[in-house]
Amino acid sequence: MDRIRVALAEDSVLLREGVSRLVASNEDFELVGAACDLPELLALVGAERPDVVITDIRMPPTGTNEGIQAAGWLRENYPKVGVVVLSQYTAPGYAMELLERGSSGRAYLLKERVGSVDELARAIRAVAAGGSVIDPVVVDELVRSRSRHQQSSLAQLTPRETEILAEMAQGKSNAAIAAELTVSERAVEKHTNSIFAKLGLSEEQDLNRRVKAVLLYLSEAQDS
């Protein structure tokens, strides 16, 4: 089985070395290079054509949202390259910005949790396969934000449907959601179809419905 080729962008030397070691310690991954700013990352991608890019959300030259810019550039130029964005921010704004052009092949993780080899490896494998992952801590913040938004357009969802949508926002499949909530996969499918119908997404293709439902969920939480 071919290893997943990974490129890293992080301006902190300590974090760059730490994440490099985490990636190198997994026999399924191959670290093809590390960059310390956005221009260096783009050059690295062009030269090495990695399967996945792990990037800090803020780095030189401006220290604002270079990681999000890199994800957008990759979506246009190398759409098959997955992106794992590392952030210290739990507020939903950055996650929304990352996913607004599509959630496939995108992950949003918190730096404080990157110490977990399994968590980072799961995200790398997920985006390499075209999936998406949002850190559960960020999802929890979205749920809390949404609960304060009494007039949310998602208020028509039942508590169980809201719970399933929160799991969906983490990039989980119906089978994974069923295992997490200890219910049958058929029950999850039934609730998911109900969510799509209530949000007016019943005529969309399944992948588009999942993406749009998650984006609506995130946008409502952000507005609260």
Protein backbone atom coordinates (compact mmCIF):
# COMPACT_ATOMS: atom_id res chain seq x y z
CA MET A 1 0.00 0.00 0.00
CA ASP A 2 1.37 3.42 -0.97
CA ARG A 3 2.15 5.77 1.86
CA ILE A 4 0.34 9.11 2.16
CA ARG A 5 2.72 11.91 1.19
CA VAL A 6 2.48 14.82 3.62
CA ALA A 7 3.76 18.41 3.41
CA LEU A 8 3.85 20.61 6.53
CA ALA A 9 3.66 24.40 6.93
CA GLU A 10 4.28 25.88 10.40
CA ASP A 11 6.31 28.95 11.36
CA SER A 12 6.96 27.85 14.96
CA VAL A 13 10.15 25.77 15.01
CA LEU A 14 9.02 23.76 18.02
CA LEU A 15 5.62 22.92 16.57
CA ARG A 16 7.12 22.21 13.16
CA GLU A 17 9.54 19.72 14.68
CA GLY A 18 6.85 18.19 16.87
CA VAL A 19 4.35 17.65 14.08
CA SER A 20 7.13 16.40 11.79
CA ARG A 21 8.01 13.74 14.35
CA LEU A 22 4.36 12.74 14.75
CA VAL A 23 3.99 12.30 10.99
CA ALA A 24 7.32 10.51 10.58
CA SER A 25 6.47 8.10 13.41
CA ASN A 26 3.59 6.62 11.40
CA GLU A 27 4.65 4.08 8.81
CA ASP A 28 1.63 4.96 6.64
CA PHE A 29 2.91 8.51 6.07
CA GLU A 30 5.87 10.06 4.27
CA LEU A 31 6.90 13.62 5.17
CA VAL A 32 8.02 15.22 1.88
CA GLY A 33 8.99 18.62 3.28
CA ALA A 34 8.29 21.44 5.74
CA ALA A 35 7.71 25.14 5.08
CA CYS A 36 7.66 28.13 7.40
CA ASP A 37 5.48 30.54 5.37
CA LEU A 38 2.83 30.60 2.64
CA PRO A 39 5.09 31.19 -0.41
CA GLU A 40 7.42 28.40 0.71
CA LEU A 41 4.42 26.07 1.16
CA LEU A 42 3.06 26.76 -2.32
CA ALA A 43 6.49 26.12 -3.82
CA LEU A 44 6.79 22.89 -1.82
CA VAL A 45 3.41 21.67 -3.08
CA GLY A 46 4.37 22.42 -6.68
CA ALA A 47 7.64 20.54 -6.34
CA GLU A 48 6.54 17.52 -4.31
CA ARG A 49 2.81 17.11 -5.15
CA PRO A 50 1.84 15.77 -1.69
CA ASP A 51 -1.40 13.95 -0.94
CA VAL A 52 -2.06 16.02 2.19
CA VAL A 53 -0.94 19.42 3.48
CA ILE A 54 -0.85 20.14 7.22
CA THR A 55 -0.82 23.90 7.72
CA ASP A 56 -0.89 26.44 10.50
CA ILE A 57 -3.82 28.84 10.21
CA ARG A 58 -1.63 31.92 10.78
CA MET A 59 1.91 32.27 9.48
CA PRO A 60 4.09 34.71 7.49
CA PRO A 61 3.96 36.84 5.51
CA THR A 62 0.91 38.52 7.14
CA GLY A 63 0.10 36.28 10.11
CA THR A 64 -3.64 36.40 9.39
CA ASN A 65 -5.26 33.47 7.58
CA GLU A 66 -2.51 32.01 5.38
CA GLY A 67 -3.70 28.46 6.11
CA ILE A 68 -7.17 29.28 4.76
CA GLN A 69 -5.59 30.99 1.74
CA ALA A 70 -3.50 27.88 1.09
CA ALA A 71 -6.59 25.66 1.27
CA GLY A 72 -8.38 27.87 -1.26
CA TRP A 73 -5.37 27.91 -3.60
CA LEU A 74 -5.11 24.14 -3.39
CA ARG A 75 -8.83 23.75 -4.13
CA GLU A 76 -8.26 25.66 -7.38
CA ASN A 77 -4.89 24.25 -8.42
CA TYR A 78 -4.58 20.82 -6.79
CA PRO A 79 -8.13 19.79 -5.88
CA LYS A 80 -7.13 16.25 -4.88
CA VAL A 81 -4.74 17.46 -2.16
CA GLY A 82 -6.27 17.17 1.30
CA VAL A 83 -5.71 19.92 3.88
CA VAL A 84 -5.48 19.68 7.66
CA VAL A 85 -5.60 23.18 9.18
CA LEU A 86 -4.12 23.55 12.66
CA SER A 87 -5.60 26.34 14.78
CA GLN A 88 -5.64 27.62 18.33
CA TYR A 89 -9.06 29.20 17.79
CA THR A 90 -12.33 27.46 18.74
CA ALA A 91 -14.54 30.25 17.34
CA PRO A 92 -16.45 28.96 14.28
CA GLY A 93 -15.41 31.75 11.88
CA TYR A 94 -12.20 30.13 10.63
CA ALA A 95 -13.84 26.70 10.27
CA MET A 96 -16.66 28.29 8.28
CA GLU A 97 -14.15 30.06 6.02
CA LEU A 98 -12.29 26.80 5.46
CA LEU A 99 -15.43 24.86 4.50
CA GLU A 100 -17.33 27.46 2.50
CA ARG A 101 -15.83 26.18 -0.78
CA GLY A 102 -16.61 22.59 0.11
CA SER A 103 -15.87 20.27 3.01
CA SER A 104 -14.35 17.37 1.05
CA GLY A 105 -10.69 16.81 1.86
CA ARG A 106 -10.64 19.39 4.66
CA ALA A 107 -9.98 19.11 8.41
CA TYR A 108 -9.88 21.70 11.19
CA LEU A 109 -7.95 20.66 14.31
CA LEU A 110 -6.89 22.50 17.45
CA LYS A 111 -3.16 22.73 18.10
CA GLU A 112 -3.56 21.83 21.75
CA ARG A 113 -4.87 18.41 20.68
CA VAL A 114 -2.27 17.67 18.01
CA GLY A 115 -0.22 15.87 20.65
CA SER A 116 -2.45 12.88 19.97
CA VAL A 117 -0.88 10.79 17.22
CA ASP A 118 -4.15 8.97 16.61
CA GLU A 119 -6.16 12.19 16.25
CA LEU A 120 -3.78 13.70 13.71
CA ALA A 121 -3.42 10.40 11.83
CA ARG A 122 -7.20 10.04 11.61
CA ALA A 123 -7.50 13.52 10.11
CA ILE A 124 -4.71 12.90 7.59
CA ARG A 125 -6.28 9.65 6.42
CA ALA A 126 -9.75 11.23 6.28
CA VAL A 127 -8.77 14.19 4.07
CA ALA A 128 -6.56 12.00 1.88
CA ALA A 129 -9.68 9.95 1.15
CA GLY A 130 -11.77 13.06 0.45
CA GLY A 131 -13.48 13.18 3.84
CA SER A 132 -13.66 15.98 6.40
CA VAL A 133 -12.99 16.34 10.13
CA ILE A 134 -13.82 19.15 12.54
CA ASP A 135 -12.30 18.99 16.02
CA PRO A 136 -14.97 17.90 18.53
CA VAL A 137 -14.09 20.86 20.77
CA VAL A 138 -14.97 23.23 17.92
CA VAL A 139 -18.20 21.31 17.32
CA ASP A 140 -19.05 21.65 21.02
CA GLU A 141 -18.57 25.42 20.71
CA LEU A 142 -20.86 25.44 17.69
CA VAL A 143 -23.50 23.51 19.63
CA ARG A 144 -23.31 25.95 22.55
CA SER A 145 -23.50 28.90 20.18
CA ARG A 146 -26.47 27.43 18.42
CA SER A 147 -28.32 26.81 21.70
CA ARG A 148 -28.20 30.55 22.39
CA HIS A 149 -29.76 31.33 19.04
CA GLN A 150 -33.45 30.94 19.88
CA GLN A 151 -34.69 31.91 16.42
CA SER A 152 -32.36 29.59 14.52
CA SER A 153 -33.69 28.21 11.27
CA LEU A 154 -32.53 24.85 12.62
CA ALA A 155 -34.88 25.08 15.62
CA GLN A 156 -37.34 22.77 13.88
CA LEU A 157 -34.92 19.85 14.26
CA THR A 158 -35.47 17.44 17.14
CA PRO A 159 -32.72 17.08 19.80
CA ARG A 160 -31.68 13.76 18.25
CA GLU A 161 -31.52 15.28 14.75
CA THR A 162 -29.41 18.16 16.06
CA GLU A 163 -27.10 15.63 17.74
CA ILE A 164 -26.74 13.69 14.50
CA LEU A 165 -26.04 16.90 12.54
CA ALA A 166 -23.31 17.78 15.05
CA GLU A 167 -21.73 14.37 14.45
CA MET A 168 -22.08 14.90 10.69
CA ALA A 169 -20.18 18.19 11.08
CA GLN A 170 -17.21 16.14 12.29
CA GLY A 171 -17.12 14.37 8.92
CA LYS A 172 -18.52 11.09 10.22
CA SER A 173 -20.37 8.62 8.03
CA ASN A 174 -23.78 7.24 8.98
CA ALA A 175 -22.10 4.06 10.22
CA ALA A 176 -19.69 6.02 12.42
CA ILE A 177 -22.53 8.16 13.79
CA ALA A 178 -24.54 5.03 14.59
CA ALA A 179 -21.59 3.57 16.51
CA GLU A 180 -20.99 6.84 18.41
CA LEU A 181 -24.63 7.25 19.45
CA THR A 182 -25.30 3.52 19.96
CA VAL A 183 -28.20 3.36 17.53
CA SER A 184 -28.77 1.44 14.31
CA GLU A 185 -27.43 2.72 11.02
CA ARG A 186 -30.99 2.56 9.68
CA ALA A 187 -32.13 4.92 12.46
CA VAL A 188 -29.35 7.36 11.58
CA GLU A 189 -30.36 7.22 7.92
CA LYS A 190 -33.98 7.93 8.86
CA HIS A 191 -32.99 10.92 11.02
CA THR A 192 -30.60 12.19 8.33
CA ASN A 193 -33.31 12.12 5.68
CA SER A 194 -35.58 14.00 8.08
CA ILE A 195 -32.87 16.63 8.61
CA PHE A 196 -32.48 17.09 4.86
CA ALA A 197 -36.23 17.39 4.38
CA LYS A 198 -36.64 19.97 7.17
CA LEU A 199 -33.75 22.04 5.76
CA GLY A 200 -35.22 21.91 2.25
CA LEU A 201 -32.39 19.76 0.87
CA SER A 202 -34.42 16.71 -0.14
CA GLU A 203 -33.87 17.25 -3.88
CA GLU A 204 -30.08 17.52 -3.67
CA GLN A 205 -27.56 14.72 -4.23
CA ASP A 206 -26.56 13.03 -0.98
CA LEU A 207 -23.01 14.43 -0.80
CA ASN A 208 -24.26 17.94 -1.54
CA ARG A 209 -26.98 17.59 1.07
CA ARG A 210 -24.49 16.61 3.77
CA VAL A 211 -22.16 19.48 2.91
CA LYS A 212 -24.95 22.06 2.74
CA ALA A 213 -26.56 20.84 5.96
CA VAL A 214 -23.24 21.12 7.81
CA LEU A 215 -22.55 24.58 6.36
CA LEU A 216 -26.01 25.75 7.41
CA TYR A 217 -25.40 24.34 10.87
CA LEU A 218 -22.05 26.14 11.13
CA SER A 219 -23.35 29.44 9.74
CA GLU A 220 -26.27 29.51 12.16
CA ALA A 221 -23.90 28.85 15.05
CA GLN A 222 -21.56 31.60 13.85
CA ASP A 223 -24.36 34.15 13.72
CA SER A 224 -25.43 33.54 17.34
